[in-house]
Amino acid sequence: MSTSMTGTAKADFKPVLWTPGDWNAFFGFGTNILVNMLVLTGLLRFVLKMPDSLVFGRILPALGLMMCLSTFYYAWLAYRLAQKTGRSDVCALPSGISVPHMFIVTFVIMLPITIKTGDPLKGWSAGLVWVFFQSFILMIGGFIAPVIRRITPRAALLGTLAGVSVTFISMRPALEMYMTPQIGLVCFAIILVSWFGGVKYPRGIPAGLVAIAVGMIIAWGSNLFGLGLGGLSIKGVGDAFASFGFSVPIPAVGQVFSGFEFLGVILVTAIPFGIYDLVEAMDNVESAEAAGDEYPTTRVLTADGIVSLIGCLMGNPFINAVYIGHPGWKAMGGRIGYSAATGIMVVLLSWFGIISVLLALVPVVAISPILLYIGMLIGAQAFQTTPVKHAPAIVLALTPHLAAWAKLQIDTMLGSTMMAAQSVGGLAADKVDAVKTAAIAALPQQGVIYHGLEVMGGGSILAGLILGAIGVFIIERDFTKASAFALTGAVLTYFGFMHGEAVGIGGGLGVTPAVALAYAVVAAGLFALGRVETTAHYVAHPDTPMAAPAE
């Protein structure tokens, strides 16, 4: 429950805009944002092969504007909450580029269209249209989300969020740390002893800054011995300055509407992923409330939609989202100022072309432990802020995300193998799809149930929420509500929003008809069990008023 004290605060209370803890949160959250921007820049330049003039002159300035508007808005929202409640511990919601969708719009929308047309600008336009539609889904969904939050158990909301944090947030930085443990593990220990162990560094220097500084010292120092840890070099720094300059956002309305020629391909993913964004944002607002800060869901989602639309119309093909991690930034002392300071930092980085320079100066592996810390905290929160007896339901909510993550690893490996085989002349281009299909068909013989990963991991955010809710209500013996969520799962599965790779009706039988039917059967069984329980209750307690038994 929220710890707010609405109605008891003094009218003249003035929240503090910056506290010492904001330095910790700023360096932690700022480096998180920096990593995402570095990855995004790499995707644009090296995967989509977009010219630097487009990347540094149009896309990054628009992205910087979007994220600055977002972080300033959430700082203002935190200020209002602190003023309203008279509390000095209110922490602003973190926000930035939606990381999962950064990869989705790149590999599912922009890359296929760029390859098909041979024109990166066409891919850029398609990405803008994708965000255009998702923005409106978020704005409309903002008015529905509060209802969903009221009827969905916290264990289900936080459980599916924990699934995202354990897989897509935590695993990559953890693996990067162990690839260069001389830097990764040392920086991880620096962060852990401060943020979990309460150790204070000299003169109050933030742990995130200490970790980055130590990582840089180890990386650059290793070059003296020819080790090259972290992959940094003087030449790389010199090359990075080639992108240094000044660019401001320029309207890209024409490019947005020119991308409508690809509307059929775009809507297939824009609608379902817009819904996933909606659910994920709800989960993050619930996570903030569990940490003590209660924000209005409608305002949060509407703001995400509006700033994403502004960014899109200025040329940014990546959607904005409330981030996982609010409890983490709050635990390390973040309040209001860290959010606004991050917005200013993003503008400086993106409008002055500093991203590539930082990439050449700071080893990414020194930043990875911060992301792992956030993943650890969010995963733990699901268990710490819900009843102990709901723990099995939380684990159930995790499972679709494990499946989705495992499938992504397999798909990436297969794609890389096909490309490698082609590059050495061992595979003809017209045989790629056939070889890939044969490889997937052979996986079960090696103990890898690929199709199971594909079905269970499809629409993992929604699947985790539905499974978690069913689990909670069965534990509570509220079989009627469990039945309602199972029926919802059947409908969502029928149309491909869960357990499917595409939205549609699958020729009339549903995208994954067997799974949809199974959910419907479960719903019917649970409903019947609920009626039996209700009847038995009234037989045992004939004086009970004719209403549903208390939970």
Protein backbone atom coordinates (compact mmCIF):
# COMPACT_ATOMS: atom_id res chain seq x y z
CA MET A 1 0.00 0.00 0.00
CA SER A 2 1.06 3.60 -0.54
CA THR A 3 2.50 5.51 2.38
CA SER A 4 1.02 8.78 1.18
CA MET A 5 -0.64 11.14 3.66
CA THR A 6 -3.05 12.93 1.37
CA GLY A 7 -4.93 15.69 3.11
CA THR A 8 -2.51 16.02 6.04
CA ALA A 9 0.28 17.92 4.30
CA LYS A 10 0.83 21.61 5.00
CA ALA A 11 -0.22 23.91 2.19
CA ASP A 12 3.12 25.72 2.25
CA PHE A 13 5.28 22.58 2.08
CA LYS A 14 8.06 23.01 -0.49
CA PRO A 15 9.66 19.75 -1.61
CA VAL A 16 13.45 19.75 -1.96
CA LEU A 17 14.44 19.57 -5.62
CA TRP A 18 17.85 17.98 -5.04
CA THR A 19 19.17 15.75 -2.26
CA PRO A 20 22.54 13.99 -1.81
CA GLY A 21 20.85 10.72 -2.78
CA ASP A 22 19.94 12.21 -6.16
CA TRP A 23 23.63 12.01 -7.10
CA ASN A 24 23.55 8.23 -6.61
CA ALA A 25 20.35 7.86 -8.60
CA PHE A 26 21.56 10.25 -11.29
CA PHE A 27 24.77 8.34 -11.92
CA GLY A 28 22.93 5.03 -11.74
CA PHE A 29 19.95 5.95 -13.89
CA GLY A 30 22.03 8.21 -16.14
CA THR A 31 24.43 5.40 -16.95
CA ASN A 32 21.45 3.10 -17.58
CA ILE A 33 20.10 5.60 -20.10
CA LEU A 34 23.58 6.05 -21.57
CA VAL A 35 23.95 2.31 -22.17
CA ASN A 36 20.58 2.18 -23.92
CA MET A 37 21.51 5.14 -26.11
CA LEU A 38 24.84 3.56 -27.00
CA VAL A 39 23.13 0.30 -27.97
CA LEU A 40 20.49 2.17 -29.95
CA THR A 41 23.15 4.16 -31.82
CA GLY A 42 24.93 0.92 -32.67
CA LEU A 43 21.70 -0.59 -34.04
CA LEU A 44 21.08 2.43 -36.25
CA ARG A 45 24.63 2.65 -37.60
CA PHE A 46 25.74 -0.96 -37.89
CA VAL A 47 22.54 -3.02 -38.24
CA LEU A 48 20.35 -0.65 -40.26
CA LYS A 49 23.37 0.96 -41.98
CA MET A 50 21.86 4.42 -41.60
CA PRO A 51 24.14 7.34 -42.49
CA ASP A 52 25.66 9.30 -39.60
CA SER A 53 23.96 12.44 -40.88
CA LEU A 54 20.58 10.78 -40.20
CA VAL A 55 21.58 9.14 -36.92
CA PHE A 56 23.35 12.10 -35.30
CA GLY A 57 21.56 14.88 -37.18
CA ARG A 58 17.92 13.76 -37.02
CA ILE A 59 17.13 10.67 -34.91
CA LEU A 60 19.23 11.25 -31.78
CA PRO A 61 18.23 14.94 -31.39
CA ALA A 62 14.53 13.94 -31.63
CA LEU A 63 15.07 11.11 -29.18
CA GLY A 64 16.81 13.52 -26.77
CA LEU A 65 13.85 15.91 -26.93
CA MET A 66 11.39 13.09 -26.22
CA MET A 67 13.31 11.78 -23.21
CA CYS A 68 13.89 15.27 -21.83
CA LEU A 69 10.15 16.00 -21.94
CA SER A 70 9.44 12.65 -20.29
CA THR A 71 11.95 12.96 -17.43
CA PHE A 72 10.94 16.58 -16.74
CA TYR A 73 7.27 15.59 -16.63
CA TYR A 74 7.87 12.77 -14.17
CA ALA A 75 10.03 15.06 -12.01
CA TRP A 76 7.10 17.50 -11.96
CA LEU A 77 4.67 14.69 -11.12
CA ALA A 78 6.92 13.65 -8.21
CA TYR A 79 7.09 17.27 -7.01
CA ARG A 80 3.28 17.46 -7.00
CA LEU A 81 3.01 14.17 -5.10
CA ALA A 82 5.55 15.32 -2.51
CA GLN A 83 3.74 18.66 -2.14
CA LYS A 84 0.37 16.92 -1.83
CA THR A 85 1.50 14.38 0.79
CA GLY A 86 4.05 16.45 2.69
CA ARG A 87 6.63 13.70 2.25
CA SER A 88 10.31 14.21 1.51
CA ASP A 89 10.98 10.67 0.28
CA VAL A 90 8.98 10.76 -2.97
CA CYS A 91 10.94 9.37 -5.92
CA ALA A 92 10.20 10.28 -9.54
CA LEU A 93 9.29 7.53 -11.96
CA PRO A 94 12.20 6.60 -14.26
CA SER A 95 11.51 6.71 -17.99
CA GLY A 96 13.26 6.46 -21.33
CA ILE A 97 13.41 4.40 -24.51
CA SER A 98 11.45 1.16 -24.28
CA VAL A 99 14.35 -1.31 -24.48
CA PRO A 100 12.46 -4.45 -25.65
CA HIS A 101 10.69 -2.45 -28.31
CA MET A 102 13.94 -0.81 -29.37
CA PHE A 103 14.98 -4.22 -30.67
CA ILE A 104 11.52 -5.09 -31.99
CA VAL A 105 11.11 -1.97 -34.14
CA THR A 106 14.68 -2.43 -35.39
CA PHE A 107 14.58 -6.11 -36.32
CA VAL A 108 10.86 -6.64 -37.02
CA ILE A 109 9.96 -3.36 -38.77
CA MET A 110 12.88 -1.23 -39.93
CA LEU A 111 15.40 -3.91 -40.94
CA PRO A 112 13.06 -6.04 -43.14
CA ILE A 113 11.75 -2.92 -44.92
CA THR A 114 15.26 -1.53 -45.35
CA ILE A 115 16.42 -4.84 -46.87
CA LYS A 116 13.34 -5.11 -49.09
CA THR A 117 13.59 -1.56 -50.46
CA GLY A 118 17.35 -1.12 -50.22
CA ASP A 119 16.72 2.29 -48.66
CA PRO A 120 17.41 3.00 -44.94
CA LEU A 121 15.20 6.08 -45.15
CA LYS A 122 12.22 3.86 -45.97
CA GLY A 123 12.99 1.77 -42.90
CA TRP A 124 13.18 4.95 -40.82
CA SER A 125 9.75 6.10 -42.10
CA ALA A 126 8.23 2.71 -41.26
CA GLY A 127 9.62 2.94 -37.72
CA LEU A 128 8.05 6.37 -37.31
CA VAL A 129 4.62 5.05 -38.34
CA TRP A 130 5.01 2.14 -35.87
CA VAL A 131 5.55 4.60 -33.00
CA PHE A 132 2.76 6.84 -34.32
CA PHE A 133 0.17 4.09 -33.81
CA GLN A 134 1.63 2.84 -30.53
CA SER A 135 1.43 6.37 -29.11
CA PHE A 136 -2.33 6.50 -29.61
CA ILE A 137 -2.77 3.02 -28.12
CA LEU A 138 -0.99 4.22 -24.96
CA MET A 139 -3.07 7.40 -24.76
CA ILE A 140 -6.36 5.52 -25.17
CA GLY A 141 -5.23 2.71 -22.89
CA GLY A 142 -4.45 5.18 -20.13
CA PHE A 143 -8.16 5.41 -19.37
CA ILE A 144 -8.59 1.62 -19.22
CA ALA A 145 -5.47 0.79 -17.22
CA PRO A 146 -6.78 1.87 -13.76
CA VAL A 147 -9.63 -0.64 -14.07
CA ILE A 148 -7.19 -3.43 -14.98
CA ARG A 149 -5.00 -2.52 -11.99
CA ARG A 150 -7.99 -2.70 -9.63
CA ILE A 151 -9.03 -6.20 -10.68
CA THR A 152 -5.57 -7.76 -11.11
CA PRO A 153 -3.66 -9.08 -8.07
CA ARG A 154 -0.38 -7.34 -7.24
CA ALA A 155 1.47 -10.67 -7.40
CA ALA A 156 0.42 -11.03 -11.05
CA LEU A 157 1.41 -7.46 -11.99
CA LEU A 158 4.76 -7.60 -10.21
CA GLY A 159 5.37 -11.24 -11.11
CA THR A 160 5.30 -10.62 -14.86
CA LEU A 161 7.45 -7.52 -14.29
CA ALA A 162 9.94 -9.65 -12.36
CA GLY A 163 10.04 -11.98 -15.35
CA VAL A 164 11.12 -9.12 -17.60
CA SER A 165 13.74 -7.98 -15.09
CA VAL A 166 15.26 -11.43 -14.53
CA THR A 167 15.51 -12.24 -18.25
CA PHE A 168 15.70 -9.20 -20.49
CA ILE A 169 17.13 -6.74 -17.94
CA SER A 170 19.50 -8.89 -15.86
CA MET A 171 20.87 -11.66 -18.06
CA ARG A 172 22.71 -9.64 -20.71
CA PRO A 173 24.66 -7.44 -18.24
CA ALA A 174 25.41 -10.52 -16.09
CA LEU A 175 26.86 -12.34 -19.08
CA GLU A 176 28.85 -9.27 -20.13
CA MET A 177 30.32 -9.04 -16.62
CA TYR A 178 31.64 -12.60 -16.80
CA MET A 179 33.08 -12.06 -20.27
CA THR A 180 35.36 -9.38 -18.78
CA PRO A 181 35.36 -10.27 -15.07
CA GLN A 182 38.44 -8.16 -14.33
CA ILE A 183 36.20 -5.12 -14.81
CA GLY A 184 32.67 -6.47 -14.44
CA LEU A 185 32.94 -8.29 -11.13
CA VAL A 186 35.06 -5.57 -9.53
CA CYS A 187 32.54 -2.87 -10.49
CA PHE A 188 29.67 -5.13 -9.38
CA ALA A 189 31.24 -5.52 -5.93
CA ILE A 190 31.70 -1.72 -5.66
CA ILE A 191 27.99 -1.24 -6.34
CA LEU A 192 26.75 -4.09 -4.13
CA VAL A 193 28.65 -3.06 -0.98
CA SER A 194 27.24 0.45 -1.29
CA TRP A 195 23.67 -0.02 -2.52
CA PHE A 196 22.96 -3.25 -0.62
CA GLY A 197 25.61 -3.14 2.12
CA GLY A 198 25.31 0.55 3.02
CA VAL A 199 29.05 1.29 2.66
CA LYS A 200 29.75 5.00 2.06
CA TYR A 201 32.60 6.06 -0.20
CA PRO A 202 34.93 9.01 0.67
CA ARG A 203 33.35 12.48 0.43
CA GLY A 204 30.01 10.88 -0.42
CA ILE A 205 31.05 10.00 -3.98
CA PRO A 206 28.19 8.05 -5.63
CA ALA A 207 28.83 4.32 -5.99
CA GLY A 208 27.88 4.42 -9.67
CA LEU A 209 30.54 7.03 -10.37
CA VAL A 210 33.13 5.06 -8.37
CA ALA A 211 32.32 1.91 -10.36
CA ILE A 212 32.64 3.71 -13.70
CA ALA A 213 35.89 5.41 -12.68
CA VAL A 214 37.42 2.13 -11.49
CA GLY A 215 36.25 0.40 -14.68
CA MET A 216 37.90 3.09 -16.80
CA ILE A 217 41.15 2.85 -14.81
CA ILE A 218 41.29 -0.93 -15.24
CA ALA A 219 40.39 -0.76 -18.94
CA TRP A 220 42.83 2.00 -19.90
CA GLY A 221 45.51 0.65 -17.56
CA SER A 222 45.28 -2.79 -19.16
CA ASN A 223 46.33 -1.23 -22.47
CA LEU A 224 49.77 -0.56 -20.94
CA PHE A 225 50.24 -4.34 -20.67
CA GLY A 226 48.71 -5.11 -24.06
CA LEU A 227 45.62 -6.76 -22.56
CA GLY A 228 43.01 -4.43 -24.10
CA LEU A 229 40.32 -5.11 -21.48
CA GLY A 230 37.11 -3.28 -22.33
CA GLY A 231 38.10 -2.71 -25.97
CA LEU A 232 39.14 0.94 -25.57
CA SER A 233 41.86 2.67 -27.59
CA ILE A 234 43.23 6.15 -28.39
CA LYS A 235 42.36 5.62 -32.05
CA GLY A 236 38.75 4.87 -31.09
CA VAL A 237 38.55 8.15 -29.15
CA GLY A 238 39.94 10.07 -32.11
CA ASP A 239 37.46 8.47 -34.52
CA ALA A 240 34.59 9.22 -32.14
CA PHE A 241 35.17 12.97 -32.37
CA ALA A 242 34.21 12.81 -36.04
CA SER A 243 30.56 12.73 -34.96
CA PHE A 244 30.92 15.66 -32.58
CA GLY A 245 28.72 18.63 -33.53
CA PHE A 246 25.42 20.35 -32.77
CA SER A 247 22.00 19.35 -34.13
CA VAL A 248 18.49 20.23 -32.99
CA PRO A 249 15.28 18.29 -33.74
CA ILE A 250 13.64 19.03 -37.09
CA PRO A 251 9.98 18.10 -37.82
CA ALA A 252 9.64 14.86 -39.77
CA VAL A 253 5.89 14.86 -40.44
CA GLY A 254 6.45 14.12 -44.12
CA GLN A 255 8.54 11.07 -43.32
CA VAL A 256 5.86 9.82 -40.92
CA PHE A 257 3.11 9.88 -43.50
CA SER A 258 5.30 8.52 -46.29
CA GLY A 259 5.71 5.40 -44.15
CA PHE A 260 1.98 4.65 -44.35
CA GLU A 261 2.67 2.62 -47.50
CA PHE A 262 3.91 -0.13 -45.15
CA LEU A 263 0.82 0.07 -42.92
CA GLY A 264 -0.20 -3.58 -43.35
CA VAL A 265 3.14 -4.87 -42.04
CA ILE A 266 3.28 -2.27 -39.27
CA LEU A 267 -0.17 -2.78 -37.72
CA VAL A 268 0.43 -6.52 -37.24
CA THR A 269 2.97 -5.68 -34.54
CA ALA A 270 2.07 -2.12 -33.52
CA ILE A 271 -1.29 -3.08 -32.00
CA PRO A 272 -0.18 -6.05 -29.87
CA PHE A 273 3.03 -4.41 -28.72
CA GLY A 274 1.11 -1.25 -27.91
CA ILE A 275 -1.00 -3.39 -25.56
CA TYR A 276 2.14 -4.95 -24.08
CA ASP A 277 3.51 -1.44 -23.44
CA LEU A 278 0.25 -0.63 -21.71
CA VAL A 279 0.50 -3.63 -19.38
CA GLU A 280 4.20 -3.07 -18.67
CA ALA A 281 3.60 0.59 -17.77
CA MET A 282 0.80 -0.51 -15.41
CA ASP A 283 3.16 -2.99 -13.80
CA ASN A 284 5.78 -0.28 -13.26
CA VAL A 285 3.24 2.09 -11.70
CA GLU A 286 2.18 -0.76 -9.40
CA SER A 287 5.83 -1.33 -8.53
CA ALA A 288 6.22 2.35 -7.59
CA GLU A 289 3.11 2.18 -5.41
CA ALA A 290 4.48 -0.90 -3.65
CA ALA A 291 7.59 1.19 -2.89
CA GLY A 292 5.43 3.94 -1.39
CA ASP A 293 4.81 6.36 -4.28
CA GLU A 294 1.29 6.30 -5.72
CA TYR A 295 1.05 7.82 -9.21
CA PRO A 296 -2.10 8.18 -11.37
CA THR A 297 -1.99 5.45 -14.02
CA THR A 298 -3.98 7.42 -16.59
CA ARG A 299 -1.64 10.41 -16.43
CA VAL A 300 1.44 8.21 -16.69
CA LEU A 301 0.26 6.30 -19.75
CA THR A 302 -1.13 9.39 -21.45
CA ALA A 303 2.18 11.17 -20.90
CA ASP A 304 4.07 8.23 -22.43
CA GLY A 305 1.82 8.37 -25.46
CA ILE A 306 2.07 12.15 -25.90
CA VAL A 307 5.87 12.41 -25.59
CA SER A 308 6.28 9.39 -27.89
CA LEU A 309 4.05 11.09 -30.47
CA ILE A 310 6.07 14.32 -30.22
CA GLY A 311 9.31 12.37 -30.62
CA CYS A 312 7.88 10.48 -33.59
CA LEU A 313 6.78 13.67 -35.38
CA MET A 314 10.31 15.05 -34.87
CA GLY A 315 11.96 11.94 -36.33
CA ASN A 316 12.45 9.44 -33.46
CA PRO A 317 11.37 5.83 -34.29
CA PHE A 318 11.58 4.59 -30.68
CA ILE A 319 8.78 4.73 -28.14
CA ASN A 320 9.02 6.17 -24.63
CA ALA A 321 8.15 4.09 -21.57
CA VAL A 322 8.07 4.23 -17.79
CA TYR A 323 11.04 2.13 -16.76
CA ILE A 324 11.45 -0.80 -14.46
CA GLY A 325 13.52 0.27 -11.47
CA HIS A 326 11.70 2.93 -9.43
CA PRO A 327 12.27 1.04 -6.12
CA GLY A 328 15.98 0.73 -6.95
CA TRP A 329 16.52 4.44 -7.58
CA LYS A 330 14.47 5.27 -4.50
CA ALA A 331 16.47 2.82 -2.36
CA MET A 332 19.72 4.52 -3.34
CA GLY A 333 18.32 7.96 -2.41
CA GLY A 334 16.80 9.23 -5.65
CA ARG A 335 14.00 11.77 -5.20
CA ILE A 336 12.93 14.47 -7.71
CA GLY A 337 16.09 16.03 -9.10
CA TYR A 338 17.70 12.90 -10.56
CA SER A 339 14.95 12.60 -13.17
CA ALA A 340 15.22 16.20 -14.43
CA ALA A 341 19.04 16.04 -14.34
CA THR A 342 18.91 12.93 -16.54
CA GLY A 343 16.75 14.82 -19.04
CA ILE A 344 19.32 17.60 -19.27
CA MET A 345 22.10 15.03 -19.68
CA VAL A 346 20.24 13.31 -22.54
CA VAL A 347 19.80 16.59 -24.42
CA LEU A 348 23.50 17.38 -24.09
CA LEU A 349 24.47 13.89 -25.24
CA SER A 350 22.13 13.76 -28.22
CA TRP A 351 22.23 17.36 -29.49
CA PHE A 352 26.01 17.64 -29.33
CA GLY A 353 26.85 14.18 -30.71
CA ILE A 354 28.74 13.13 -27.56
CA ILE A 355 27.39 9.55 -27.52
CA SER A 356 30.14 8.06 -29.68
CA VAL A 357 32.83 9.88 -27.64
CA LEU A 358 31.55 8.37 -24.39
CA LEU A 359 31.37 4.95 -26.00
CA ALA A 360 35.07 5.29 -26.79
CA LEU A 361 35.99 6.45 -23.26
CA VAL A 362 33.92 4.24 -20.92
CA PRO A 363 33.90 0.42 -21.06
CA VAL A 364 30.30 -0.77 -21.28
CA VAL A 365 31.09 -3.65 -18.92
CA ALA A 366 31.66 -1.10 -16.13
CA ILE A 367 28.04 0.01 -16.51
CA SER A 368 26.49 -3.46 -16.81
CA PRO A 369 26.48 -4.13 -13.01
CA ILE A 370 24.08 -1.22 -12.51
CA LEU A 371 21.53 -2.88 -14.80
CA LEU A 372 21.98 -6.20 -13.01
CA TYR A 373 21.38 -4.47 -9.66
CA ILE A 374 18.08 -3.05 -10.92
CA GLY A 375 17.02 -6.47 -12.20
CA MET A 376 17.82 -8.03 -8.82
CA LEU A 377 15.80 -5.43 -6.96
CA ILE A 378 12.70 -5.67 -9.15
CA GLY A 379 12.75 -9.46 -9.06
CA ALA A 380 12.98 -9.39 -5.27
CA GLN A 381 10.22 -6.78 -4.93
CA ALA A 382 7.62 -9.15 -6.39
CA PHE A 383 8.18 -11.51 -3.45
CA GLN A 384 8.78 -8.87 -0.77
CA THR A 385 5.62 -6.79 -1.28
CA THR A 386 3.08 -9.59 -1.74
CA PRO A 387 1.76 -12.29 0.63
CA VAL A 388 4.15 -15.22 1.08
CA LYS A 389 1.48 -17.68 -0.01
CA HIS A 390 1.35 -15.97 -3.44
CA ALA A 391 5.00 -16.87 -4.17
CA PRO A 392 4.06 -19.87 -6.39
CA ALA A 393 1.89 -17.57 -8.55
CA ILE A 394 4.83 -15.17 -8.97
CA VAL A 395 7.04 -18.04 -10.15
CA LEU A 396 4.26 -19.04 -12.56
CA ALA A 397 4.20 -15.48 -13.93
CA LEU A 398 7.96 -15.69 -14.54
CA THR A 399 7.81 -18.73 -16.79
CA PRO A 400 6.60 -17.14 -20.08
CA HIS A 401 9.48 -14.66 -19.89
CA LEU A 402 12.02 -17.46 -19.44
CA ALA A 403 10.54 -19.11 -22.54
CA ALA A 404 10.63 -15.87 -24.55
CA TRP A 405 14.24 -15.20 -23.55
CA ALA A 406 15.36 -18.73 -24.40
CA LYS A 407 13.65 -18.57 -27.80
CA LEU A 408 15.35 -15.24 -28.53
CA GLN A 409 18.76 -16.81 -27.80
CA ILE A 410 18.04 -19.72 -30.14
CA ASP A 411 16.70 -17.46 -32.91
CA THR A 412 19.71 -15.19 -32.67
CA MET A 413 22.10 -18.15 -32.78
CA LEU A 414 20.35 -19.66 -35.81
CA GLY A 415 20.37 -16.34 -37.66
CA SER A 416 24.05 -15.85 -36.92
CA THR A 417 24.84 -19.39 -38.08
CA MET A 418 23.00 -18.89 -41.37
CA MET A 419 24.83 -15.62 -42.02
CA ALA A 420 28.18 -17.24 -41.19
CA ALA A 421 27.48 -20.18 -43.50
CA GLN A 422 26.64 -17.81 -46.34
CA SER A 423 29.72 -15.64 -45.74
CA VAL A 424 32.10 -18.61 -46.14
CA GLY A 425 30.29 -19.86 -49.21
CA GLY A 426 28.89 -22.95 -47.56
CA LEU A 427 25.21 -22.10 -47.98
CA ALA A 428 23.32 -20.82 -51.01
CA ALA A 429 20.99 -17.88 -50.36
CA ASP A 430 17.94 -19.80 -51.63
CA LYS A 431 18.58 -22.59 -49.11
CA VAL A 432 18.71 -20.45 -45.96
CA ASP A 433 15.03 -20.77 -44.99
CA ALA A 434 14.98 -24.52 -45.67
CA VAL A 435 18.11 -25.14 -43.59
CA LYS A 436 16.78 -23.01 -40.73
CA THR A 437 13.46 -24.87 -40.75
CA ALA A 438 15.27 -28.22 -40.73
CA ALA A 439 17.48 -27.09 -37.83
CA ILE A 440 14.45 -26.07 -35.75
CA ALA A 441 12.71 -29.37 -36.56
CA ALA A 442 15.78 -31.26 -35.29
CA LEU A 443 15.97 -29.41 -31.96
CA PRO A 444 13.52 -31.69 -30.04
CA GLN A 445 15.86 -34.63 -30.74
CA GLN A 446 18.53 -32.71 -28.80
CA GLY A 447 16.17 -32.05 -25.90
CA VAL A 448 15.28 -28.47 -26.91
CA ILE A 449 11.49 -28.04 -27.13
CA TYR A 450 11.57 -25.04 -29.44
CA HIS A 451 7.86 -25.03 -30.31
CA GLY A 452 7.01 -25.05 -26.61
CA LEU A 453 9.23 -22.01 -26.06
CA GLU A 454 7.59 -20.33 -29.04
CA VAL A 455 4.04 -20.90 -27.83
CA MET A 456 4.58 -20.26 -24.13
CA GLY A 457 6.78 -17.19 -24.70
CA GLY A 458 4.48 -15.49 -27.20
CA GLY A 459 3.12 -12.29 -25.67
CA SER A 460 5.03 -13.04 -22.47
CA ILE A 461 3.97 -9.90 -20.57
CA LEU A 462 0.27 -10.66 -20.99
CA ALA A 463 0.77 -14.41 -20.54
CA GLY A 464 2.66 -13.87 -17.29
CA LEU A 465 -0.04 -11.53 -15.98
CA ILE A 466 -2.88 -13.95 -16.82
CA LEU A 467 -1.11 -17.01 -15.40
CA GLY A 468 -0.09 -15.12 -12.26
CA ALA A 469 -3.65 -13.89 -11.67
CA ILE A 470 -5.09 -17.38 -12.14
CA GLY A 471 -2.53 -18.71 -9.67
CA VAL A 472 -3.31 -16.07 -7.03
CA PHE A 473 -7.07 -16.54 -7.18
CA ILE A 474 -6.78 -20.33 -7.03
CA ILE A 475 -4.55 -19.98 -3.95
CA GLU A 476 -7.23 -17.72 -2.45
CA ARG A 477 -9.93 -20.23 -3.48
CA ASP A 478 -11.71 -17.51 -5.42
CA PHE A 479 -12.41 -19.81 -8.35
CA THR A 480 -14.89 -17.48 -10.06
CA LYS A 481 -12.26 -14.75 -10.51
CA ALA A 482 -9.71 -17.34 -11.57
CA SER A 483 -12.23 -18.48 -14.18
CA ALA A 484 -12.65 -14.92 -15.46
CA PHE A 485 -8.90 -14.55 -16.00
CA ALA A 486 -8.70 -17.96 -17.68
CA LEU A 487 -11.50 -16.91 -20.05
CA THR A 488 -9.65 -13.66 -20.74
CA GLY A 489 -6.58 -15.76 -21.52
CA ALA A 490 -8.63 -17.81 -23.98
CA VAL A 491 -9.81 -14.69 -25.82
CA LEU A 492 -6.35 -13.10 -25.90
CA THR A 493 -4.83 -16.36 -27.11
CA TYR A 494 -7.49 -16.81 -29.79
CA PHE A 495 -6.56 -13.47 -31.34
CA GLY A 496 -2.81 -14.00 -30.95
CA PHE A 497 -2.08 -11.47 -28.21
CA MET A 498 -0.77 -14.36 -26.10
CA HIS A 499 0.97 -17.59 -27.08
CA GLY A 500 1.15 -16.56 -30.73
CA GLU A 501 3.54 -14.91 -33.14
CA ALA A 502 0.96 -12.86 -35.03
CA VAL A 503 -2.37 -11.15 -34.42
CA GLY A 504 -5.35 -12.54 -36.29
CA ILE A 505 -7.89 -15.34 -36.13
CA GLY A 506 -5.89 -18.12 -37.79
CA GLY A 507 -8.42 -18.90 -40.51
CA GLY A 508 -11.26 -18.68 -38.02
CA LEU A 509 -9.94 -21.16 -35.46
CA GLY A 510 -7.60 -18.80 -33.65
CA VAL A 511 -3.85 -18.23 -33.88
CA THR A 512 -3.08 -21.08 -31.46
CA PRO A 513 -6.46 -22.85 -31.22
CA ALA A 514 -5.34 -25.71 -28.95
CA VAL A 515 -4.07 -23.30 -26.29
CA ALA A 516 -7.15 -21.06 -26.57
CA LEU A 517 -9.43 -24.10 -26.17
CA ALA A 518 -7.43 -25.31 -23.16
CA TYR A 519 -7.83 -21.93 -21.44
CA ALA A 520 -11.59 -22.02 -22.18
CA VAL A 521 -11.89 -25.51 -20.67
CA VAL A 522 -9.97 -24.37 -17.58
CA ALA A 523 -12.26 -21.34 -17.31
CA ALA A 524 -15.37 -23.55 -17.46
CA GLY A 525 -13.99 -25.94 -14.86
CA LEU A 526 -13.02 -23.17 -12.47
CA PHE A 527 -16.40 -21.48 -12.90
CA ALA A 528 -18.19 -24.74 -12.08
CA LEU A 529 -15.94 -25.23 -9.05
CA GLY A 530 -16.73 -21.67 -7.96
CA ARG A 531 -20.47 -22.35 -8.15
CA VAL A 532 -20.05 -25.51 -6.09
CA GLU A 533 -18.06 -23.58 -3.47
CA THR A 534 -20.70 -20.84 -3.34
CA THR A 535 -23.54 -23.35 -2.97
CA ALA A 536 -21.69 -25.21 -0.24
CA HIS A 537 -21.08 -21.93 1.58
CA TYR A 538 -24.79 -21.03 1.68
CA VAL A 539 -25.77 -24.54 2.72
CA ALA A 540 -23.33 -24.35 5.63
CA HIS A 541 -24.29 -20.74 6.50
CA PRO A 542 -27.99 -20.30 5.56
CA ASP A 543 -28.19 -16.90 7.30
CA THR A 544 -25.50 -15.37 5.08
CA PRO A 545 -26.84 -12.49 2.89
CA MET A 546 -27.18 -13.44 -0.77
CA ALA A 547 -23.87 -12.10 -1.99
CA ALA A 548 -20.57 -13.59 -2.98
CA PRO A 549 -18.69 -15.04 0.00
CA ALA A 550 -15.95 -12.88 1.43
CA GLU A 551 -12.47 -13.40 0.06
